[in-house]
């Protein structure tokens, strides 16, 4: 596996940028897709956000200073792009962000790319009841097993606050699942 430092150097050098970028996409597209998909729910929206994320990464890789891991930086971009899409949809439809999430959830059952069963759908509905930050933290910890330290870099929040958010999110999800 290619070393992250070398990949960043190649991404930031003109002669190697294209090849390094193809490597970057190969290494991270699936992980980023699922991270985005857990936020926006819809396959088509996730594909659009993923494409926008990679465009931003390509255009801004020269700004990456190495203060965090490359994937933390990319996850931050993906998270921001996903939230931007939700906000844009809410504004376009003149509804709240929560209603956008509800619409996306309601469309999940007709999404040919959704392979979940009734239990998965119920879990997604429970997650959708959480505030945005708790949803992000829960999805990153539960589905992606991201460490709190890395999550802290991605969401620019303290590890303690993230642990508290996750704990509260789990309690709310348990309460939802037992009452519905």
Protein backbone atom coordinates (compact mmCIF):
# COMPACT_ATOMS: atom_id res chain seq x y z
CA UNK A 1 0.00 0.00 0.00
CA UNK A 2 1.27 3.44 -0.91
CA UNK A 3 2.45 5.63 1.96
CA UNK A 4 0.22 8.62 2.67
CA UNK A 5 3.15 11.08 2.74
CA UNK A 6 4.32 9.96 -0.69
CA UNK A 7 0.79 10.09 -2.07
CA UNK A 8 0.40 13.69 -0.85
CA UNK A 9 3.76 14.65 -2.41
CA UNK A 10 2.71 13.08 -5.70
CA UNK A 11 -0.71 14.77 -5.56
CA UNK A 12 0.99 18.12 -5.01
CA UNK A 13 3.53 17.69 -7.84
CA UNK A 14 2.43 18.49 -11.39
CA UNK A 15 4.08 15.52 -13.16
CA UNK A 16 2.59 12.92 -10.79
CA UNK A 17 -0.76 14.53 -9.90
CA UNK A 18 -3.00 12.65 -12.38
CA UNK A 19 -1.66 9.19 -11.53
CA UNK A 20 -1.66 9.93 -7.79
CA UNK A 21 -5.23 11.20 -8.01
CA UNK A 22 -6.36 7.97 -9.69
CA UNK A 23 -4.66 6.07 -6.84
CA UNK A 24 -6.39 8.30 -4.29
CA UNK A 25 -9.80 7.61 -5.86
CA UNK A 26 -9.14 3.87 -5.89
CA UNK A 27 -8.09 3.92 -2.22
CA UNK A 28 -10.88 6.09 -0.85
CA UNK A 29 -13.94 6.17 -3.12
CA UNK A 30 -15.80 3.35 -1.40
CA UNK A 31 -15.14 4.58 2.16
CA UNK A 32 -16.08 8.14 1.24
CA UNK A 33 -19.17 6.96 -0.67
CA UNK A 34 -20.53 5.13 2.38
CA UNK A 35 -19.67 8.01 4.69
CA UNK A 36 -21.62 10.36 2.42
CA UNK A 37 -24.42 7.84 1.87
CA UNK A 38 -25.04 7.59 5.61
CA UNK A 39 -25.53 11.36 5.68
CA UNK A 40 -27.63 11.95 2.53
CA UNK A 41 -29.28 8.47 2.39
CA UNK A 42 -29.87 8.44 -1.40
CA UNK A 43 -27.48 6.64 -3.77
CA UNK A 44 -27.82 9.31 -6.47
CA UNK A 45 -27.17 12.14 -4.01
CA UNK A 46 -24.22 10.23 -2.55
CA UNK A 47 -22.75 9.80 -6.04
CA UNK A 48 -23.13 13.53 -6.75
CA UNK A 49 -21.58 14.52 -3.42
CA UNK A 50 -18.73 12.03 -3.91
CA UNK A 51 -17.97 13.54 -7.31
CA UNK A 52 -18.05 17.07 -5.86
CA UNK A 53 -15.81 15.92 -3.01
CA UNK A 54 -13.17 14.54 -5.37
CA UNK A 55 -13.32 17.70 -7.49
CA UNK A 56 -12.71 19.81 -4.36
CA UNK A 57 -9.89 17.53 -3.25
CA UNK A 58 -8.27 17.75 -6.71
CA UNK A 59 -8.57 21.53 -6.88
CA UNK A 60 -7.42 22.13 -3.28
CA UNK A 61 -4.80 19.45 -2.63
CA UNK A 62 -2.10 22.13 -2.77
CA UNK A 63 -3.72 23.64 0.38
CA UNK A 64 -3.31 20.39 2.35
CA UNK A 65 -0.62 21.10 4.94
CA UNK A 66 -0.44 17.70 6.61
CA UNK A 67 -1.72 18.95 10.00
CA UNK A 68 -4.12 16.00 10.01
CA UNK A 69 -4.25 12.70 8.14
CA UNK A 70 -5.14 12.99 4.46
CA UNK A 71 -8.28 10.89 4.92
CA UNK A 72 -9.41 13.15 7.83
CA UNK A 73 -9.06 16.15 5.54
CA UNK A 74 -11.01 14.36 2.77
CA UNK A 75 -13.72 13.23 5.20
CA UNK A 76 -14.12 16.83 6.37
CA UNK A 77 -14.63 17.92 2.74
CA UNK A 78 -17.08 15.04 2.13
CA UNK A 79 -19.02 15.84 5.31
CA UNK A 80 -19.25 19.52 4.41
CA UNK A 81 -20.33 18.71 0.85
CA UNK A 82 -23.04 16.32 2.12
CA UNK A 83 -24.36 18.91 4.58
CA UNK A 84 -24.27 21.55 1.83
CA UNK A 85 -26.42 19.29 -0.38
CA UNK A 86 -28.95 18.77 2.43
CA UNK A 87 -29.09 22.52 3.06
CA UNK A 88 -29.45 23.21 -0.68
CA UNK A 89 -32.29 20.68 -0.98
CA UNK A 90 -34.02 22.11 2.08
CA UNK A 91 -33.81 25.62 0.64
CA UNK A 92 -34.94 24.50 -2.84
CA UNK A 93 -37.92 22.60 -1.44
CA UNK A 94 -38.53 25.28 1.21
CA UNK A 95 -38.55 22.73 4.01
CA UNK A 96 -36.34 22.06 7.05
CA UNK A 97 -33.19 19.92 6.93
CA UNK A 98 -35.02 17.37 9.07
CA UNK A 99 -37.80 17.17 6.46
CA UNK A 100 -35.17 16.63 3.74
CA UNK A 101 -33.84 13.68 5.79
CA UNK A 102 -37.39 12.33 6.23
CA UNK A 103 -37.99 12.56 2.47
CA UNK A 104 -34.72 10.76 1.77
CA UNK A 105 -35.65 8.03 4.26
CA UNK A 106 -39.09 7.60 2.73
CA UNK A 107 -37.44 7.18 -0.66
CA UNK A 108 -35.02 4.54 0.65
CA UNK A 109 -37.49 1.69 0.24
CA UNK A 110 -37.80 2.47 -3.48
CA UNK A 111 -34.04 2.97 -3.90
CA UNK A 112 -32.74 -0.01 -5.91
CA UNK A 113 -29.34 0.45 -4.24
CA UNK A 114 -30.74 0.10 -0.70
CA UNK A 115 -30.12 -3.48 0.35
CA UNK A 116 -31.33 -3.18 3.92
CA UNK A 117 -34.22 -4.98 5.48
CA UNK A 118 -36.98 -3.69 7.78
CA UNK A 119 -34.55 -3.56 10.72
CA UNK A 120 -32.02 -1.49 8.77
CA UNK A 121 -34.77 0.88 7.70
CA UNK A 122 -35.96 1.22 11.31
CA UNK A 123 -32.37 1.99 12.39
CA UNK A 124 -32.08 4.64 9.65
CA UNK A 125 -35.35 6.20 10.83
CA UNK A 126 -34.03 6.24 14.41
CA UNK A 127 -30.80 7.90 13.28
CA UNK A 128 -32.80 10.50 11.35
CA UNK A 129 -34.45 11.64 14.59
CA UNK A 130 -31.07 12.75 15.96
CA UNK A 131 -29.67 16.28 15.63
CA UNK A 132 -27.25 16.62 12.69
CA UNK A 133 -24.04 16.48 14.78
CA UNK A 134 -25.19 13.35 16.65
CA UNK A 135 -26.09 11.71 13.34
CA UNK A 136 -22.60 12.38 12.01
CA UNK A 137 -20.91 11.08 15.15
CA UNK A 138 -23.12 7.98 15.35
CA UNK A 139 -22.66 7.11 11.66
CA UNK A 140 -18.89 7.58 11.81
CA UNK A 141 -18.49 5.48 14.96
CA UNK A 142 -21.14 2.79 14.36
CA UNK A 143 -20.89 2.19 10.60
CA UNK A 144 -17.33 3.24 9.87
CA UNK A 145 -15.57 2.50 13.20
CA UNK A 146 -13.69 5.79 13.00
CA UNK A 147 -11.60 6.47 16.11
CA UNK A 148 -12.57 9.49 18.22
CA UNK A 149 -9.17 11.05 17.60
CA UNK A 150 -9.68 10.94 13.82
CA UNK A 151 -13.30 12.03 14.19
CA UNK A 152 -12.03 14.99 16.21
CA UNK A 153 -9.86 16.04 13.23
CA UNK A 154 -12.71 15.57 10.76
CA UNK A 155 -15.42 17.37 12.74
CA UNK A 156 -13.09 19.78 14.51
CA UNK A 157 -14.59 18.93 17.91
CA UNK A 158 -12.98 17.61 21.09
CA UNK A 159 -12.84 13.87 21.68
CA UNK A 160 -14.77 14.28 24.95
CA UNK A 161 -17.63 16.09 23.21
CA UNK A 162 -17.72 13.40 20.52
CA UNK A 163 -17.85 10.59 23.09
CA UNK A 164 -20.71 12.37 24.86
CA UNK A 165 -22.55 12.91 21.55
CA UNK A 166 -22.17 9.25 20.65
CA UNK A 167 -23.38 8.09 24.07
CA UNK A 168 -26.45 10.37 23.88
CA UNK A 169 -27.14 9.27 20.30
CA UNK A 170 -27.04 5.59 21.28
CA UNK A 171 -29.48 6.23 24.16
CA UNK A 172 -31.88 8.10 21.85
CA UNK A 173 -31.69 5.37 19.20
CA UNK A 174 -32.31 2.65 21.80
CA UNK A 175 -35.32 4.60 23.08
CA UNK A 176 -36.67 5.02 19.54
CA UNK A 177 -36.18 1.35 18.65
CA UNK A 178 -37.89 0.10 21.81
CA UNK A 179 -40.86 2.44 21.41
CA UNK A 180 -41.53 1.89 17.68
